[in-house]
Amino acid sequence: MRRESGTTLIEVLIAVTLLSLLSVGMLTAMRVGLMAFSKTSNKLMENRRVAGAQRVVQEELEGMMPVVAACGEAAGATPAKTVFFEGQPQTMRLVSTFSLQQGWRGRPQILELFVIPGEDGRGVRLVVNEIPYTGPAGMARLCTGRTQDPLTGGHLAVFAPVQAGPNSFVLADKLAYCRFLYFTIPLDRNLAPHWTPNWTIAGWPFAVRIEMAPLDPDPSRLQPITIIAPIHIHRSPEIPYVDY
């Protein structure tokens, strides 16, 4: 009787088992690789977001415009030159040539930078409101009155409270703290230049510093850091400037 070569059932089962194990190993390796790629991509996106937000804040501050407004004036009254700038520890208002949506190419915007509580009450977040700048007359609802600077005699604006809304943009989130400081050079030469948390001078600061720290520090990720922006404004709000 002639013997014919062939494959037994046991050999087939062993081959199928080995192929299945090999397939599972390949799928597991692919899954681990995809998860690592996803984590790396998410980390890079978060790092880019942090770096981009810090760059935006820097350019918004450096684009400050020396705007004066008529705050709290009755109709028909002679408007007083009032510097449109609010500088408090956690609230800042200014007019800037830089905006989130249009960069340096768009219309000037009234910027409201302020600090609000974070999600679920953990930490704080830095947000900004952008309002189109339509000229000094359009600031009446924000600049509600004025007071006098006891040092220089100039007028200081009194502003309405800021409010977060659906169009507020979060610049930095999950912060342990966020505070604003303003650099001033006193008129008295015996006093040294210094940073102050409250701007009470009829004019613009020489620089703005925003101090931030992460709520949950992570050395593997880019963390929010302190931002210092010089203000390139060298003019007096009491002197009229016109084009001829």
Protein backbone atom coordinates (compact mmCIF):
# COMPACT_ATOMS: atom_id res chain seq x y z
CA MET A 1 0.00 0.00 0.00
CA ARG A 2 1.39 3.45 -1.05
CA ARG A 3 1.81 6.00 1.78
CA GLU A 4 0.60 9.60 0.99
CA SER A 5 2.12 12.63 2.75
CA GLY A 6 -0.29 15.07 4.50
CA THR A 7 -0.97 17.28 7.52
CA THR A 8 -2.55 16.05 10.65
CA LEU A 9 -5.22 17.88 12.62
CA ILE A 10 -2.80 18.47 15.49
CA GLU A 11 -0.34 20.21 13.15
CA VAL A 12 -3.10 22.42 11.77
CA LEU A 13 -4.21 23.39 15.29
CA ILE A 14 -0.62 24.21 16.28
CA ALA A 15 -0.13 26.35 13.15
CA VAL A 16 -3.40 28.23 13.74
CA THR A 17 -2.48 28.79 17.40
CA LEU A 18 0.97 30.14 16.51
CA LEU A 19 -0.50 32.40 13.84
CA SER A 20 -3.09 33.70 16.32
CA LEU A 21 -0.41 34.41 18.93
CA LEU A 22 1.69 36.19 16.30
CA SER A 23 -1.31 38.28 15.22
CA VAL A 24 -2.15 39.18 18.83
CA GLY A 25 1.47 40.19 19.43
CA MET A 26 1.50 42.39 16.32
CA LEU A 27 -1.82 44.03 17.24
CA THR A 28 -0.62 44.63 20.80
CA ALA A 29 2.58 46.22 19.52
CA MET A 30 0.61 48.42 17.10
CA ARG A 31 -1.79 49.44 19.88
CA VAL A 32 1.06 50.37 22.23
CA GLY A 33 2.71 52.34 19.44
CA LEU A 34 -0.50 54.19 18.58
CA MET A 35 -1.16 55.00 22.24
CA ALA A 36 2.38 56.34 22.62
CA PHE A 37 1.94 58.42 19.45
CA SER A 38 -1.38 59.77 20.72
CA LYS A 39 0.09 60.72 24.11
CA THR A 40 3.06 62.40 22.45
CA SER A 41 0.78 64.26 20.05
CA ASN A 42 -1.48 65.44 22.90
CA LYS A 43 1.53 66.59 24.89
CA LEU A 44 2.90 68.51 21.91
CA MET A 45 -0.50 70.12 21.32
CA GLU A 46 -0.72 71.19 24.96
CA ASN A 47 2.82 72.58 24.81
CA ARG A 48 1.99 74.49 21.63
CA ARG A 49 -1.19 75.84 23.22
CA VAL A 50 0.70 77.10 26.28
CA ALA A 51 3.45 78.66 24.15
CA GLY A 52 0.88 80.16 21.76
CA ALA A 53 -1.19 81.66 24.58
CA GLN A 54 1.89 83.24 26.15
CA ARG A 55 2.90 84.69 22.79
CA VAL A 56 -0.62 86.09 22.31
CA VAL A 57 -0.57 87.78 25.73
CA GLN A 58 2.89 89.22 25.02
CA GLU A 59 1.82 90.69 21.68
CA GLU A 60 -1.47 92.02 23.06
CA LEU A 61 0.39 93.98 25.72
CA GLU A 62 3.12 95.20 23.37
CA GLY A 63 0.42 96.41 20.96
CA MET A 64 -1.10 98.78 23.52
CA MET A 65 -2.42 102.05 22.04
CA PRO A 66 -2.24 105.38 23.93
CA VAL A 67 -5.99 106.03 23.92
CA VAL A 68 -7.75 108.77 25.88
CA ALA A 69 -11.49 108.73 26.48
CA ALA A 70 -14.30 110.89 27.83
CA CYS A 71 -15.42 108.98 30.91
CA GLY A 72 -18.68 109.84 32.62
CA GLU A 73 -19.23 113.06 30.67
CA ALA A 74 -22.69 114.53 30.30
CA ALA A 75 -23.98 115.24 26.81
CA GLY A 76 -22.63 118.52 25.46
CA ALA A 77 -19.97 118.89 28.16
CA THR A 78 -16.34 119.48 27.31
CA PRO A 79 -14.68 116.06 27.53
CA ALA A 80 -11.74 115.67 29.88
CA LYS A 81 -8.71 113.73 28.69
CA THR A 82 -8.79 110.49 30.65
CA VAL A 83 -6.28 107.72 30.05
CA PHE A 84 -8.08 104.54 29.03
CA PHE A 85 -6.16 101.99 31.05
CA GLU A 86 -7.18 99.93 34.04
CA GLY A 87 -4.52 98.19 36.09
CA GLN A 88 -5.60 96.08 39.05
CA PRO A 89 -4.08 92.91 40.56
CA GLN A 90 -6.44 90.62 38.60
CA THR A 91 -8.06 92.92 36.04
CA MET A 92 -6.54 94.88 33.18
CA ARG A 93 -8.19 96.95 30.42
CA LEU A 94 -6.42 98.48 27.45
CA VAL A 95 -6.71 99.13 23.72
CA SER A 96 -4.40 97.06 21.53
CA THR A 97 -3.63 96.79 17.83
CA PHE A 98 -3.31 92.99 18.22
CA SER A 99 -6.33 90.69 18.39
CA LEU A 100 -6.85 86.94 18.67
CA GLN A 101 -8.84 86.57 15.47
CA GLN A 102 -6.97 88.91 13.12
CA GLY A 103 -3.53 89.29 14.66
CA TRP A 104 -1.79 92.53 13.67
CA ARG A 105 -3.91 92.96 10.53
CA GLY A 106 -7.31 93.69 12.06
CA ARG A 107 -9.02 96.59 13.78
CA PRO A 108 -7.91 97.72 17.24
CA GLN A 109 -9.64 95.96 20.10
CA ILE A 110 -10.53 96.85 23.67
CA LEU A 111 -9.02 94.02 25.69
CA GLU A 112 -10.26 92.94 29.10
CA LEU A 113 -7.82 90.53 30.71
CA PHE A 114 -8.95 89.16 34.05
CA VAL A 115 -8.72 86.17 36.37
CA ILE A 116 -11.67 83.92 37.22
CA PRO A 117 -12.00 80.71 39.28
CA GLY A 118 -11.10 77.48 37.52
CA GLU A 119 -13.30 74.51 36.76
CA ASP A 120 -14.86 72.91 39.86
CA GLY A 121 -13.29 75.69 41.93
CA ARG A 122 -9.74 74.31 41.43
CA GLY A 123 -7.21 77.03 40.82
CA VAL A 124 -7.81 79.99 38.53
CA ARG A 125 -7.76 80.75 34.82
CA LEU A 126 -6.73 83.78 32.77
CA VAL A 127 -9.34 84.90 30.22
CA VAL A 128 -9.72 87.79 27.79
CA ASN A 129 -12.67 89.63 26.26
CA GLU A 130 -12.22 91.41 22.94
CA ILE A 131 -14.47 94.38 22.12
CA PRO A 132 -14.06 96.29 18.82
CA TYR A 133 -12.62 99.75 19.38
CA THR A 134 -14.85 102.36 17.74
CA GLY A 135 -13.24 105.50 19.10
CA PRO A 136 -13.35 107.43 22.39
CA ALA A 137 -17.11 107.92 22.22
CA GLY A 138 -17.74 104.16 22.20
CA MET A 139 -16.11 103.63 25.60
CA ALA A 140 -18.90 105.18 27.67
CA ARG A 141 -20.32 101.85 28.85
CA LEU A 142 -16.90 100.69 30.07
CA CYS A 143 -15.46 103.95 31.39
CA THR A 144 -18.25 105.17 33.67
CA GLY A 145 -16.55 108.03 35.49
CA ARG A 146 -13.28 109.59 36.50
CA THR A 147 -11.29 110.55 39.54
CA GLN A 148 -8.12 112.59 40.07
CA ASP A 149 -4.57 111.42 40.54
CA PRO A 150 -3.33 113.14 43.76
CA LEU A 151 0.28 113.07 42.56
CA THR A 152 0.03 114.46 39.03
CA GLY A 153 -3.41 116.05 39.09
CA GLY A 154 -4.41 114.13 35.98
CA HIS A 155 -7.66 112.26 35.54
CA LEU A 156 -8.02 108.55 36.24
CA ALA A 157 -10.79 106.47 34.68
CA VAL A 158 -13.36 104.60 36.74
CA PHE A 159 -14.37 101.36 35.02
CA ALA A 160 -17.37 99.04 35.18
CA PRO A 161 -16.74 95.49 36.47
CA VAL A 162 -15.59 92.91 33.94
CA GLN A 163 -17.79 89.92 33.17
CA ALA A 164 -17.01 86.55 31.62
CA GLY A 165 -19.31 85.50 28.79
CA PRO A 166 -19.65 82.91 26.02
CA ASN A 167 -17.13 84.81 23.88
CA SER A 168 -14.48 84.96 26.59
CA PHE A 169 -11.31 83.16 25.52
CA VAL A 170 -9.27 81.16 28.03
CA LEU A 171 -5.59 82.08 27.69
CA ALA A 172 -4.29 79.96 30.57
CA ASP A 173 -6.04 77.33 32.68
CA LYS A 174 -5.33 75.25 35.78
CA LEU A 175 -3.22 77.93 37.44
CA ALA A 176 -2.29 78.06 41.11
CA TYR A 177 -2.31 81.87 40.88
CA CYS A 178 -2.28 84.67 38.33
CA ARG A 179 -1.63 88.31 39.13
CA PHE A 180 -0.76 91.52 37.28
CA LEU A 181 2.00 93.97 38.17
CA TYR A 182 2.85 97.34 36.61
CA PHE A 183 6.26 98.98 36.37
CA THR A 184 6.40 102.64 37.32
CA ILE A 185 9.12 105.27 37.52
CA PRO A 186 8.17 107.78 40.25
CA LEU A 187 8.34 111.51 39.59
CA ASP A 188 10.32 111.84 42.81
CA ARG A 189 13.91 111.05 41.83
CA ASN A 190 14.60 109.92 45.38
CA LEU A 191 12.28 106.96 44.89
CA ALA A 192 13.42 103.91 42.94
CA PRO A 193 11.42 102.41 40.06
CA HIS A 194 9.28 99.53 41.23
CA TRP A 195 6.45 97.12 40.40
CA THR A 196 3.02 97.92 41.80
CA PRO A 197 -0.16 95.75 41.81
CA ASN A 198 -2.46 98.78 41.43
CA TRP A 199 -1.98 101.39 38.72
CA THR A 200 -3.09 104.76 40.14
CA ILE A 201 -1.14 107.15 37.91
CA ALA A 202 -2.56 109.28 35.09
CA GLY A 203 -0.59 107.64 32.33
CA TRP A 204 0.57 104.27 31.09
CA PRO A 205 2.97 101.84 32.78
CA PHE A 206 6.46 101.30 31.40
CA ALA A 207 5.97 97.53 31.49
CA VAL A 208 3.43 94.91 32.55
CA ARG A 209 4.23 91.63 34.30
CA ILE A 210 1.82 88.70 34.53
CA GLU A 211 2.89 86.17 37.13
CA MET A 212 1.52 82.64 36.73
CA ALA A 213 2.22 79.20 38.16
CA PRO A 214 0.65 75.81 37.28
CA LEU A 215 -1.78 74.21 39.69
CA ASP A 216 -0.28 70.75 39.12
CA PRO A 217 3.40 71.13 38.11
CA ASP A 218 4.55 68.55 35.55
CA PRO A 219 8.21 68.69 34.46
CA SER A 220 7.38 66.72 31.30
CA ARG A 221 5.11 69.45 29.98
CA LEU A 222 5.57 73.11 29.11
CA GLN A 223 4.35 75.12 32.10
CA PRO A 224 2.88 78.66 32.19
CA ILE A 225 5.59 81.13 33.17
CA THR A 226 5.79 84.79 34.11
CA ILE A 227 5.35 87.17 31.17
CA ILE A 228 7.01 90.60 31.08
CA ALA A 229 6.03 92.96 28.26
CA PRO A 230 7.57 96.42 27.78
CA ILE A 231 5.13 99.20 26.88
CA HIS A 232 6.52 101.46 24.15
CA ILE A 233 4.44 104.57 24.86
CA HIS A 234 6.26 107.83 25.47
CA ARG A 235 3.66 110.58 25.37
CA SER A 236 1.61 112.67 27.77
CA PRO A 237 -2.17 112.23 27.83
CA GLU A 238 -2.55 115.96 28.48
CA ILE A 239 -0.92 117.01 25.18
CA PRO A 240 -3.15 116.89 22.06
CA TYR A 241 -1.64 115.03 19.12
CA VAL A 242 -3.13 115.66 15.67
CA ASP A 243 -2.19 114.87 12.09
CA TYR A 244 -1.61 117.68 9.63
